[in-house]
Amino acid sequence: MKVESPRLGLMKEYRIAMNDEPGALADHCEAIAAADVNILAVVAIGGDTASAAVLTDNADATSGALDGMGASYTVAELKSA
């Protein structure tokens, strides 16, 4: 079953790869915010590489913002059991 919001439609998660350095997550969040997109949730993921999972209220604008800054990311549709 796909997770949908009556207001937002199909929800998508952006998994963003980034440099493991201070301000990297902030740079990505600022680019998304500059596109007038609201960030609904974010989870920073540590390990061998740094990444974050981000949920926003506008998938198309989020993709545009990340593409505009040359970000490396993947997109997945959120599903529930």
Protein backbone atom coordinates (compact mmCIF):
# COMPACT_ATOMS: atom_id res chain seq x y z
CA MET A 1 0.00 0.00 0.00
CA LYS A 2 1.36 3.43 -0.94
CA VAL A 3 1.40 6.22 1.61
CA GLU A 4 -0.58 9.22 0.43
CA SER A 5 -1.66 12.42 2.09
CA PRO A 6 -4.94 14.00 0.99
CA ARG A 7 -3.13 17.32 0.83
CA LEU A 8 0.22 16.22 -0.53
CA GLY A 9 -0.52 13.16 -2.69
CA LEU A 10 2.04 10.38 -2.97
CA MET A 11 4.85 10.90 -0.46
CA LYS A 12 8.47 10.55 -1.60
CA GLU A 13 11.64 10.18 0.42
CA TYR A 14 14.84 11.79 -0.81
CA ARG A 15 18.04 10.02 0.26
CA ILE A 16 20.78 12.61 -0.17
CA ALA A 17 24.48 11.69 -0.15
CA MET A 18 26.78 14.43 1.08
CA ASN A 19 30.25 15.21 2.33
CA ASP A 20 30.83 14.43 5.99
CA GLU A 21 31.62 17.99 7.02
CA PRO A 22 29.99 20.74 9.07
CA GLY A 23 27.23 22.55 7.19
CA ALA A 24 26.69 19.92 4.48
CA LEU A 25 23.16 19.08 5.62
CA ALA A 26 22.38 22.77 6.11
CA ASP A 27 23.46 23.54 2.52
CA HIS A 28 21.02 20.98 1.14
CA CYS A 29 18.19 22.13 3.42
CA GLU A 30 18.77 25.77 2.46
CA ALA A 31 18.60 24.89 -1.26
CA ILE A 32 15.30 23.07 -0.70
CA ALA A 33 13.91 25.96 1.37
CA ALA A 34 15.01 28.50 -1.25
CA ALA A 35 12.70 26.67 -3.71
CA ASP A 36 9.77 27.44 -1.34
CA VAL A 37 9.56 23.82 -0.25
CA ASN A 38 8.72 22.85 3.32
CA ILE A 39 10.80 20.07 4.88
CA LEU A 40 8.41 17.82 6.80
CA ALA A 41 10.99 15.42 8.25
CA VAL A 42 14.72 14.80 8.06
CA VAL A 43 16.88 12.00 9.44
CA ALA A 44 20.67 12.21 9.32
CA ILE A 45 22.30 8.86 8.61
CA GLY A 46 25.90 8.18 9.62
CA GLY A 47 28.20 5.33 8.75
CA ASP A 48 30.86 4.89 6.10
CA THR A 49 29.30 7.85 4.25
CA ALA A 50 27.10 10.73 5.30
CA SER A 51 23.53 10.94 4.04
CA ALA A 52 20.11 12.19 5.05
CA ALA A 53 16.56 11.04 4.35
CA VAL A 54 14.28 14.01 3.67
CA LEU A 55 10.50 14.23 3.27
CA THR A 56 9.07 17.44 1.78
CA ASP A 57 5.73 18.86 0.67
CA ASN A 58 6.69 19.27 -3.01
CA ALA A 59 8.56 16.46 -4.77
CA ASP A 60 9.02 18.24 -8.10
CA ALA A 61 10.46 21.38 -6.54
CA THR A 62 12.67 19.31 -4.23
CA SER A 63 14.15 17.47 -7.21
CA GLY A 64 14.70 20.78 -8.99
CA ALA A 65 16.46 22.31 -5.98
CA LEU A 66 18.73 19.30 -5.51
CA ASP A 67 19.49 19.06 -9.22
CA GLY A 68 20.29 22.79 -9.25
CA MET A 69 23.00 22.34 -6.63
CA GLY A 70 24.37 19.17 -8.23
CA ALA A 71 23.35 16.98 -5.30
CA SER A 72 23.65 13.20 -5.40
CA TYR A 73 20.33 11.65 -4.32
CA THR A 74 17.81 8.88 -4.86
CA VAL A 75 14.03 9.01 -4.56
CA ALA A 76 11.75 6.32 -3.14
CA GLU A 77 7.98 6.18 -2.78
CA LEU A 78 6.97 5.70 0.84
CA LYS A 79 5.02 2.49 1.47
CA SER A 80 3.35 1.01 4.51
CA ALA A 81 2.58 -2.59 5.36
